[in-house]
Protein backbone atom coordinates (compact mmCIF):
# COMPACT_ATOMS: atom_id res chain seq x y z
CA MET A 1 49.60 44.33 129.33
CA SER A 2 50.56 46.54 125.91
CA VAL A 3 51.62 44.60 122.71
CA ARG A 4 53.08 47.12 119.97
CA PRO A 5 52.07 47.14 116.93
CA LEU A 6 53.54 44.92 113.56
CA GLY A 7 55.29 47.00 111.83
CA ALA A 8 58.27 49.12 111.29
CA THR A 9 59.82 50.23 115.23
CA PRO A 10 59.77 54.00 115.82
CA ALA A 11 64.06 53.51 115.19
CA ALA A 12 63.38 52.30 112.07
CA ARG A 13 60.65 54.86 110.68
CA ARG A 14 63.22 57.73 111.80
CA VAL A 15 66.16 55.78 109.53
CA ALA A 16 64.33 55.80 106.69
CA VAL A 17 63.37 58.85 107.01
CA LEU A 18 66.85 60.23 107.22
CA ALA A 19 67.35 57.93 104.22
CA VAL A 20 64.49 59.63 101.88
CA LEU A 21 65.77 62.89 102.90
CA ALA A 22 69.36 62.46 102.20
CA VAL A 23 68.40 61.19 98.61
CA LEU A 24 66.54 64.56 98.09
CA ALA A 25 68.95 66.28 99.57
CA LEU A 26 71.77 64.24 97.38
CA ALA A 27 69.39 65.23 94.02
CA PHE A 28 68.26 68.44 94.63
CA GLY A 29 72.60 69.41 95.14
CA GLY A 30 73.46 67.78 91.88
CA TYR A 31 70.59 69.28 90.09
CA GLY A 32 71.56 73.02 91.12
CA LEU A 33 75.32 72.34 90.83
CA ALA A 34 74.54 70.96 86.85
CA ARG A 35 72.37 74.14 86.44
CA ALA A 36 75.01 76.49 87.83
CA ASP A 37 76.95 75.95 84.39
CA ALA A 38 74.03 76.93 82.31
CA GLY A 39 75.33 78.91 79.03
CA LEU A 40 78.91 78.62 80.08
CA SER A 41 81.93 76.94 78.68
CA THR A 42 84.33 75.74 80.11
CA ARG A 43 87.93 74.87 79.03
CA ARG A 44 90.95 74.04 81.13
CA ALA A 45 95.02 74.29 79.66
CA THR A 46 98.11 74.07 81.81
CA VAL A 47 100.99 76.47 80.33
CA ASP A 48 104.38 76.33 81.78
CA GLY A 49 103.56 74.20 84.84
CA VAL A 50 100.44 76.38 85.65
CA PRO A 51 97.21 75.31 85.43
CA LEU A 52 94.47 77.70 84.08
CA THR A 53 90.76 77.40 83.76
CA GLU A 54 89.06 79.85 81.39
CA VAL A 55 85.02 80.80 81.45
CA ARG A 56 83.33 82.16 79.11
CA ALA A 57 79.09 83.26 78.05
CA THR A 58 78.50 81.05 75.33
CA GLY A 59 76.67 82.82 72.01
CA VAL A 60 78.64 86.10 72.34
CA ALA A 61 80.48 86.87 69.29
CA GLY A 62 83.51 89.67 68.60
CA ARG A 63 86.01 90.32 70.75
CA ARG A 64 85.60 90.97 75.12
CA PRO A 65 87.14 91.91 78.01
CA GLY A 66 89.61 89.41 79.76
CA VAL A 67 89.61 89.16 83.17
CA VAL A 68 92.55 87.10 85.13
CA ILE A 69 91.30 86.06 88.97
CA ALA A 70 94.19 85.21 91.79
CA HIS A 71 92.59 83.54 94.75
CA GLY A 72 94.20 83.94 98.17
CA PHE A 73 96.55 82.69 100.16
CA ALA A 74 94.85 78.75 101.08
CA GLY A 75 92.51 79.49 98.37
CA SER A 76 91.79 78.33 94.85
CA ALA A 77 90.92 78.70 91.35
CA ARG A 78 87.76 76.58 92.73
CA LEU A 79 86.44 79.21 95.77
CA MET A 80 86.72 82.18 93.06
CA ARG A 81 84.59 80.49 90.37
CA PRO A 82 81.72 82.13 91.27
CA ILE A 83 83.60 85.44 90.92
CA ALA A 84 84.31 83.95 87.18
CA ASP A 85 80.70 83.20 86.36
CA THR A 86 79.10 86.67 87.17
CA VAL A 87 81.79 88.33 84.85
CA ALA A 88 81.61 85.72 82.19
CA ARG A 89 77.82 86.40 81.65
CA GLN A 90 78.54 89.91 81.47
CA GLY A 91 80.46 88.98 78.32
CA ALA A 92 83.60 89.16 79.40
CA VAL A 93 86.42 86.09 79.07
CA ALA A 94 87.25 85.28 82.78
CA LEU A 95 90.67 82.97 83.73
CA LEU A 96 90.66 81.48 86.67
CA VAL A 97 94.63 81.06 88.01
CA ASP A 98 95.63 78.54 90.33
CA VAL A 99 99.00 79.83 91.80
CA ALA A 100 102.47 77.87 93.15
CA GLY A 101 101.34 75.51 95.97
CA HIS A 102 97.66 75.65 95.65
CA GLY A 103 94.67 73.27 93.86
CA ALA A 104 95.76 71.80 90.84
CA ASN A 105 99.40 73.17 90.94
CA PRO A 106 101.21 70.89 92.04
CA ALA A 107 104.51 73.48 92.91
CA ARG A 108 105.34 74.54 96.29
CA LEU A 109 105.07 78.24 97.32
CA PRO A 110 108.40 79.43 98.13
CA GLY A 111 107.83 80.58 102.20
CA ALA A 112 103.98 80.40 101.56
CA GLY A 113 103.75 83.62 102.39
CA ARG A 114 106.74 84.30 104.98
CA ASP A 115 109.38 84.99 102.68
CA ALA A 116 107.66 87.57 101.07
CA ALA A 117 110.21 88.24 98.24
CA ASP A 118 109.83 84.45 97.06
CA SER A 119 106.48 84.59 97.60
CA ARG A 120 106.19 87.80 95.67
CA ALA A 121 108.31 86.39 92.79
CA THR A 122 106.54 83.38 92.08
CA LEU A 123 103.11 85.14 92.41
CA GLU A 124 103.94 87.88 89.53
CA ARG A 125 105.25 84.90 87.29
CA ASP A 126 101.98 82.68 87.77
CA LEU A 127 99.97 86.18 87.08
CA SER A 128 102.85 86.96 84.49
CA VAL A 129 102.10 83.49 82.71
CA ALA A 130 97.92 83.86 83.10
CA VAL A 131 98.23 87.55 81.44
CA ALA A 132 100.40 86.82 78.61
CA TYR A 133 97.77 83.38 77.57
CA LEU A 134 94.60 85.53 78.08
CA ARG A 135 95.85 87.98 75.46
CA THR A 136 96.42 84.95 73.24
CA ARG A 137 93.02 83.91 73.11
CA PRO A 138 91.29 84.80 69.94
CA ASP A 139 88.14 86.53 71.05
CA VAL A 140 89.85 88.95 73.94
CA ASP A 141 90.90 92.04 73.46
CA PRO A 142 93.82 92.58 74.44
CA ALA A 143 93.48 96.15 75.63
CA ARG A 144 90.99 95.61 78.03
CA ILE A 145 92.67 92.86 80.19
CA VAL A 146 91.14 93.15 84.29
CA LEU A 147 92.34 91.69 86.84
CA ILE A 148 90.77 90.83 90.10
CA GLY A 149 92.45 89.16 93.12
CA HIS A 150 91.14 88.23 96.96
CA SER A 151 93.57 89.06 100.21
CA MET A 152 97.07 87.45 99.09
CA GLY A 153 95.84 87.19 94.90
CA ALA A 154 94.46 91.20 95.98
CA GLY A 155 97.98 91.97 96.64
CA ALA A 156 99.48 90.43 93.92
CA VAL A 157 97.24 91.59 91.32
CA THR A 158 97.67 94.98 92.64
CA ARG A 159 101.30 94.84 92.65
CA TYR A 160 101.42 93.69 89.21
CA ALA A 161 98.83 96.13 87.51
CA ALA A 162 101.00 98.91 89.34
CA GLY A 163 103.78 98.15 87.30
CA HIS A 164 101.69 96.82 84.17
CA PRO A 165 100.24 100.67 83.18
CA ASP A 166 98.65 98.25 80.55
CA ILE A 167 96.20 96.72 82.79
CA ALA A 168 92.74 98.43 82.03
CA ARG A 169 91.41 98.04 85.47
CA THR A 170 91.92 96.19 88.61
CA VAL A 171 89.59 95.03 91.26
CA ALA A 172 91.47 94.40 95.23
CA ILE A 173 89.42 91.86 97.67
CA SER A 174 90.03 92.01 101.08
CA LEU A 175 93.69 93.57 100.23
CA PRO A 176 96.00 92.83 103.28
CA ASP A 177 98.84 95.32 102.65
CA SER A 178 99.95 98.48 100.11
CA ASP A 179 102.88 99.56 101.30
CA ASP A 180 104.59 98.75 98.30
CA LEU A 181 102.92 100.44 95.95
CA PRO A 182 103.36 103.78 94.60
CA ASP A 183 101.24 106.41 95.14
CA GLY A 184 98.75 106.79 92.12
CA ARG A 185 99.23 103.85 90.63
CA PRO A 186 97.88 101.36 89.94
CA ASP A 187 94.68 103.12 88.21
CA GLY A 188 91.32 102.24 88.01
CA LEU A 189 91.00 100.00 91.18
CA LEU A 190 88.17 98.75 92.69
CA LEU A 191 89.07 97.94 96.48
CA ILE A 192 85.94 96.10 98.46
CA VAL A 193 86.87 94.89 102.11
CA GLY A 194 84.11 92.65 104.45
CA GLY A 195 82.89 95.01 107.11
CA ALA A 196 83.26 92.13 109.42
CA GLU A 197 86.30 90.96 109.14
CA PHE A 198 89.69 91.67 110.65
CA PRO A 199 90.36 96.12 111.14
CA ALA A 200 93.62 95.41 109.30
CA PHE A 201 92.14 94.76 106.11
CA ARG A 202 89.64 97.81 106.53
CA ASP A 203 92.32 100.06 107.74
CA THR A 204 94.30 99.14 104.34
CA ALA A 205 91.39 99.59 101.94
CA GLU A 206 90.88 102.88 103.82
CA ALA A 207 94.27 104.19 102.98
CA THR A 208 94.83 102.70 99.90
CA SER A 209 91.78 104.71 98.39
CA ARG A 210 93.55 107.98 99.30
CA ARG A 211 96.40 107.30 97.39
CA GLY A 212 95.06 107.10 94.31
CA VAL A 213 92.49 109.17 91.58
CA GLY A 214 89.98 107.06 90.19
CA ARG A 215 89.58 104.73 92.26
CA ARG A 216 86.45 102.94 94.81
CA LEU A 217 86.08 101.53 98.19
CA VAL A 218 82.93 99.40 98.95
CA VAL A 219 82.16 98.32 102.46
CA VAL A 220 80.41 94.99 102.44
CA PRO A 221 78.50 94.45 105.41
CA GLY A 222 78.19 91.77 107.61
CA VAL A 223 80.86 89.50 106.25
CA GLU A 224 83.93 88.60 107.00
CA HIS A 225 87.50 87.10 104.81
CA ILE A 226 85.50 84.21 103.07
CA SER A 227 82.23 85.50 102.87
CA VAL A 228 83.09 88.42 101.21
CA LEU A 229 83.39 86.43 97.82
CA PHE A 230 79.62 85.58 97.77
CA ALA A 231 77.91 88.35 99.12
CA GLY A 232 75.62 89.89 96.19
CA ARG A 233 77.49 93.24 97.11
CA THR A 234 80.42 92.11 95.99
CA HIS A 235 79.16 90.56 92.61
CA ASP A 236 77.60 93.54 91.80
CA GLU A 237 80.16 96.14 92.28
CA VAL A 238 82.53 93.74 90.80
CA ALA A 239 80.05 93.51 87.07
CA ALA A 240 79.67 97.03 87.14
CA TRP A 241 83.50 98.05 87.38
CA VAL A 242 84.13 95.42 84.55
CA GLY A 243 81.06 96.37 82.81
CA GLY A 244 78.62 94.83 80.30
CA ASP A 245 75.06 94.39 80.43
CA GLY A 246 74.38 90.49 80.87
CA GLU A 247 72.96 88.18 83.83
CA PRO A 248 72.19 89.42 87.56
CA PRO A 249 74.85 87.61 88.98
CA ARG A 250 74.29 84.85 91.15
CA PRO A 251 77.16 83.99 93.89
CA LEU A 252 75.88 81.32 95.18
CA ALA A 253 74.58 79.05 92.31
CA ARG A 254 77.51 76.92 93.18
CA LEU A 255 77.65 76.93 97.02
CA ALA A 256 73.89 76.77 97.79
CA PRO A 257 73.55 72.98 95.74
CA ALA A 258 77.22 71.95 97.17
CA GLY A 259 75.08 72.97 100.96
CA LEU A 260 72.66 70.52 99.89
CA LEU A 261 75.06 68.17 98.98
CA LEU A 262 77.06 68.40 102.18
CA LEU A 263 73.66 68.18 104.33
CA GLY A 264 72.41 64.63 101.71
CA PHE A 265 75.97 62.94 102.85
CA GLY A 266 75.40 64.00 106.49
CA LEU A 267 71.79 62.15 106.94
CA GLY A 268 72.78 59.01 104.72
CA PHE A 269 75.19 58.46 107.01
CA VAL A 270 73.17 57.23 110.02
CA PRO A 271 70.89 54.53 107.50
CA LEU A 272 74.30 53.34 105.27
CA ALA A 273 76.05 52.71 109.37
CA THR A 274 72.76 51.37 110.54
CA LEU A 275 72.65 48.77 107.04
CA LEU A 276 76.33 47.72 107.97
CA LEU A 277 76.39 47.50 112.00
CA GLY A 278 72.92 47.18 112.92
CA ARG A 279 71.43 48.18 116.08
CA ARG A 280 73.33 46.67 119.31
CA PRO A 281 73.84 47.11 122.45
CA ARG A 282 76.82 49.42 123.38
CA GLN A 283 79.44 48.51 125.59
CA SER A 284 80.65 50.34 128.10
CA TRP A 285 83.47 50.89 129.91
CA PRO A 286 84.83 52.63 132.85
CA ALA A 287 85.45 56.58 132.86
CA ALA A 288 86.80 59.31 134.99
CA PRO A 289 84.60 62.15 136.31
CA THR A 290 83.55 64.82 134.13
CA PRO A 291 85.38 67.22 135.38
CA ALA A 292 88.46 65.19 135.38
CA VAL A 293 88.26 64.43 131.72
CA LEU A 294 87.88 68.06 130.48
CA ALA A 295 90.54 69.16 133.11
CA VAL A 296 93.30 66.68 131.55
CA ALA A 297 91.63 67.87 127.90
CA ALA A 298 92.53 71.52 128.77
CA SER A 299 95.73 70.03 129.95
CA ALA A 300 96.62 67.81 127.07
CA ALA A 301 95.18 70.28 124.32
CA GLY A 302 97.92 72.81 126.05
CA LEU A 303 101.01 71.37 125.80
CA GLY A 304 99.34 69.82 122.40
CA ALA A 305 99.70 73.91 121.48
CA LEU A 306 103.07 74.33 123.01
CA ALA A 307 104.98 71.15 121.60
CA GLY A 308 103.34 71.45 118.51
CA ALA A 309 105.10 74.19 117.40
CA LEU A 310 108.56 72.35 117.97
CA ALA A 311 107.04 69.52 116.58
CA PRO A 312 109.16 67.70 113.26
CA THR A 313 105.95 68.41 111.67
CA THR A 314 105.94 72.17 111.17
CA ARG A 315 108.86 71.17 108.77
CA LEU A 316 106.14 69.39 106.28
CA PRO A 317 105.75 71.14 103.25
CA LEU A 318 102.02 72.25 104.13
CA ALA A 319 101.73 75.63 105.32
CA VAL A 320 99.47 75.81 108.64
CA GLY A 321 98.76 72.03 108.20
CA GLY A 322 102.09 71.05 109.73
CA HIS A 323 101.48 73.18 112.84
CA VAL A 324 97.76 71.71 113.44
CA THR A 325 99.58 67.86 112.62
CA GLY A 326 101.33 68.81 115.24
CA PHE A 327 99.25 70.07 117.58
CA LEU A 328 96.61 66.83 116.70
CA LEU A 329 99.30 64.50 117.56
CA VAL A 330 100.93 65.31 120.24
CA THR A 331 97.64 65.90 121.91
CA GLY A 332 96.38 62.44 120.94
CA VAL A 333 99.57 61.35 122.60
CA LEU A 334 98.54 62.93 125.86
CA LEU A 335 94.68 61.82 126.28
CA ALA A 336 95.37 58.38 125.66
CA ALA A 337 98.27 58.66 128.19
CA ALA A 338 96.11 60.15 130.80
CA ALA A 339 93.30 57.68 129.79
CA ARG A 340 95.97 54.95 130.62
CA TRP A 341 97.66 55.84 133.55
CA TRP A 342 94.63 57.82 135.52
CA PRO A 343 92.55 55.79 138.30
CA LEU A 344 89.11 54.90 137.10
CA PRO A 345 86.70 55.12 139.86
CA ALA A 346 84.48 51.91 139.28
CA ALA A 347 81.05 53.40 140.81
CA THR A 348 81.18 55.45 136.83
CA SER A 349 81.35 51.96 135.13
CA THR A 350 77.60 51.20 133.29
CA PRO A 351 79.01 47.70 131.95
CA VAL A 352 75.86 46.00 129.58
CA PRO A 353 73.77 44.16 131.53
CA ALA A 354 74.42 40.68 131.75
CA THR A 355 70.91 39.79 131.00
CA ALA A 356 71.69 41.20 127.64
CA PRO A 357 74.24 39.89 126.61
CA VAL A 358 76.08 41.59 123.20
CA ALA A 359 76.29 39.39 119.87
CA ARG A 360 79.89 39.39 118.93
CA ARG A 361 79.74 41.20 115.10
CA ALA A 362 81.85 39.01 112.90
CA PRO A 363 85.42 40.70 112.17
CA ALA A 364 85.01 40.30 108.53
CA ARG A 365 82.01 42.44 109.17
CA SER A 366 83.41 45.07 110.77
CA ALA A 367 85.87 44.90 108.38
CA LEU A 368 83.69 46.03 105.61
CA ALA A 369 81.49 47.92 107.02
CA ALA A 370 85.23 50.36 107.64
CA VAL A 371 86.44 50.27 104.27
CA LEU A 372 82.55 51.43 103.25
CA LEU A 373 82.23 53.84 105.88
CA THR A 374 85.91 55.73 105.47
CA GLY A 375 85.42 55.68 101.60
CA TYR A 376 81.97 57.53 102.77
CA ALA A 377 83.63 59.96 104.68
CA VAL A 378 86.18 60.91 101.97
CA THR A 379 83.69 61.01 99.72
CA SER A 380 81.41 62.82 101.95
CA VAL A 381 83.85 66.08 102.56
CA ALA A 382 85.60 65.76 99.68
CA VAL A 383 82.74 65.78 96.61
CA PRO A 384 80.86 68.85 98.06
CA ILE A 385 83.91 70.76 98.82
CA HIS A 386 85.53 69.92 95.20
CA LEU A 387 82.20 70.79 93.11
CA GLY A 388 81.01 74.17 95.16
CA PHE A 389 83.51 75.91 96.85
CA THR A 390 87.35 74.46 96.41
CA SER A 391 89.74 72.41 95.50
CA ALA A 392 89.83 69.48 97.66
CA LEU A 393 91.84 66.40 95.08
CA PRO A 394 95.08 65.69 95.94
CA VAL A 395 98.11 66.73 93.79
CA GLY A 396 101.49 66.34 93.60
CA ASP A 397 102.91 66.25 97.76
CA ARG A 398 99.56 66.08 98.80
CA TRP A 399 98.72 62.22 98.42
CA TRP A 400 102.21 61.81 100.72
CA LEU A 401 100.76 64.16 103.08
CA LEU A 402 97.35 62.74 103.13
CA PRO A 403 98.43 59.96 105.44
CA VAL A 404 100.68 61.88 106.95
CA VAL A 405 97.87 64.31 107.81
CA ALA A 406 95.06 61.63 108.61
CA ALA A 407 97.30 59.63 110.93
CA ALA A 408 98.02 62.36 113.30
CA CYS A 409 93.91 62.37 113.60
CA LEU A 410 93.75 59.14 113.55
CA VAL A 411 96.29 59.58 117.48
CA PHE A 412 94.53 62.25 118.41
CA LEU A 413 90.80 61.37 118.05
CA THR A 414 91.61 57.52 119.49
CA GLY A 415 92.78 59.71 122.47
CA ALA A 416 89.74 61.41 122.50
CA GLU A 417 87.57 58.16 122.67
CA LEU A 418 90.13 57.15 125.32
CA ALA A 419 90.00 59.43 127.67
CA THR A 420 86.21 60.07 127.42
CA ALA A 421 85.24 56.27 127.39
CA GLY A 422 83.14 56.78 124.41
CA ARG A 423 80.78 59.33 126.10
CA SER A 424 79.44 61.30 123.09
CA TRP A 425 78.47 65.16 124.97
CA ARG A 426 82.14 64.16 126.86
CA TYR A 427 84.07 63.51 123.78
CA ALA A 428 82.53 66.65 121.96
CA ALA A 429 84.01 68.71 124.45
CA VAL A 430 86.90 67.44 124.24
CA GLY A 431 86.85 68.82 120.15
CA GLY A 432 85.37 71.85 121.50
CA ILE A 433 88.83 72.20 123.89
CA ALA A 434 90.95 71.47 121.14
CA VAL A 435 89.32 74.06 118.82
CA LEU A 436 90.14 76.73 121.33
CA ALA A 437 93.54 75.63 122.35
CA LEU A 438 94.25 75.54 118.37
CA THR A 439 92.91 79.34 118.37
CA ALA A 440 94.64 80.64 121.77
CA SER A 441 97.70 79.63 120.26
CA ALA A 442 97.61 81.63 117.24
CA VAL A 443 96.74 84.77 119.11
CA VAL A 444 99.87 84.16 121.38
CA GLY A 445 101.96 83.52 118.16
CA LEU A 446 102.42 79.55 118.65
CA ALA A 447 100.98 79.00 115.61
CA PRO A 448 100.63 80.73 112.38
CA GLY A 449 98.27 83.58 112.37
CA PHE A 450 96.45 82.16 109.15
CA VAL A 451 95.01 79.65 112.19
CA LEU A 452 92.38 82.01 113.15
CA LEU A 453 90.83 81.72 109.51
CA VAL A 454 91.05 77.93 109.00
CA VAL A 455 89.79 77.66 113.17
CA PRO A 456 85.98 77.87 111.75
CA LEU A 457 86.18 75.01 109.01
CA PHE A 458 88.26 73.14 111.72
CA ALA A 459 85.50 73.94 114.06
CA VAL A 460 82.94 72.14 111.72
CA LEU A 461 84.86 69.18 110.89
CA VAL A 462 85.47 68.40 114.93
CA GLY A 463 81.61 68.79 114.99
CA TRP A 464 80.36 66.72 112.31
CA GLN A 465 83.04 63.97 112.97
CA ALA A 466 81.91 64.10 116.59
CA ALA A 467 78.07 63.76 115.52
CA TRP A 468 79.15 60.83 113.41
CA ALA A 469 81.25 59.02 116.08
CA ALA A 470 78.15 59.29 117.77
CA VAL A 471 75.66 57.18 115.60
CA LEU A 472 78.84 54.21 115.21
CA ARG A 473 78.66 54.32 118.87
CA ARG A 474 74.98 53.69 118.16
CA ALA A 475 75.40 51.08 116.21
CA GLY A 476 77.24 49.11 118.73
CA ALA A 477 80.39 49.64 116.27
CA PRO A 478 84.09 48.75 117.29
CA ARG A 479 85.78 51.10 119.33
CA TRP A 480 88.72 52.11 117.12
CA LEU A 481 85.56 52.40 113.67
CA PRO A 482 84.89 56.39 115.25
CA ALA A 483 88.74 57.38 115.03
CA LEU A 484 89.23 55.65 111.86
CA VAL A 485 86.33 57.46 110.09
CA GLY A 486 86.61 60.54 111.81
CA ALA A 487 90.32 60.56 111.16
CA ALA A 488 89.49 60.41 107.26
CA LEU A 489 86.48 63.33 107.34
CA LEU A 490 89.38 65.87 109.13
CA ALA A 491 92.34 64.99 107.25
CA TRP A 492 91.92 65.40 103.80
CA PRO A 493 90.36 68.99 104.15
CA ILE A 494 93.36 69.48 105.89
CA ALA A 495 95.69 67.68 103.71
CA THR A 496 93.98 69.05 100.64
CA THR A 497 93.19 72.59 100.54
CA LEU A 498 96.56 74.40 102.53
CA PRO A 499 99.04 75.13 100.68
CA LEU A 500 102.22 73.44 99.42
CA SER A 501 105.67 75.22 100.89
């Protein structure tokens, strides 16, 4: 008869190791983000309702070029901050702008890209505010104004520069179209496109480069529509085009530490959940066979994609997010209904043995755990994204949109939990089916085409949520808790990063 030696169990040791790794990742991530600001000064202002962020290198005397930087659709000034850091370290004054409907700007973007006339007029107005403000700065040479834009912002800055010949140079990253640009204008245009982007972006860049003199086309290999912003080649070309002899670009100076924060928060969930909930044998309930679960999930997601395009949620002032909200709501209701009415074979039930009764957890403890874990989920996704990637703080209408989106996410995740009977692999498979259905709906035109650019983030969030749900089930959490925590994790980025329309 063997006797386990005294001391911590293997499970407890694993939890302790994860806690240490989480603390280390959070510490190094926080230090890296603090170091990213070394040698730079930042000033924020709101002019005529447009949030602006100035970035300049400290210790540079005399007048210098001014650079206005515009983000793309569903982007923000924070997404473009690495570009601002690069040009600031070359000696220029960078001015980041949150255009209407994005980032810290609570105004809505008319049509959110669908109504070209209204959207373009709003974008031009916001750019005009930024350019006029930059020219008033005492250390900016008003004759050396440069415009940089990405995607929607690239279209906006090229149109603006074409109509304002006093703009010295322009950089268009992932230009979506140029049909309305007059031949030969704007002058001094740098076109950058990712080698792995949709072919239409490269075709536009190549056609635009041939329609004027003094233009340069750069294809950055191996990057797509978003990662092109963080590619070293992109930053080298931008630095050379703006001019200056400052420090070498560091495009990952914010993204890499933010990634460590995400890792730290992700790992830290395990010891936190164990501390709050303990480790109890989980209770199981009858489940349908796996093929039936997957077939029902595929049917529910397909019908959700169809109904989501017609649901009232599409009228929410959240571009793309309204469709995603309707899709999740309808799919969740269908999954829950199927779990309620399909026949559940008793043979698949794996109840907890009678010799190992499950102690009931005090309701107050479960409620406290729910509050703390949900708050932790919001912090885990909001803080790293906001500090190292894009704006993730609610402003304006986002405050009331957030609980609406969260409710739809809660319905979807509850339906998935019921349909899979809490089986982690089935649960993850249902999430994967939802991602595929959302992708297919965009391909066939049921969903806005921009959904295709959002799907990778949605897939990561769904996978992240599924992993945390498995952790909660191991800890014997109440059946409703994984859905509640997951809803916070999914809803926050959807409601805070997609454009107000």
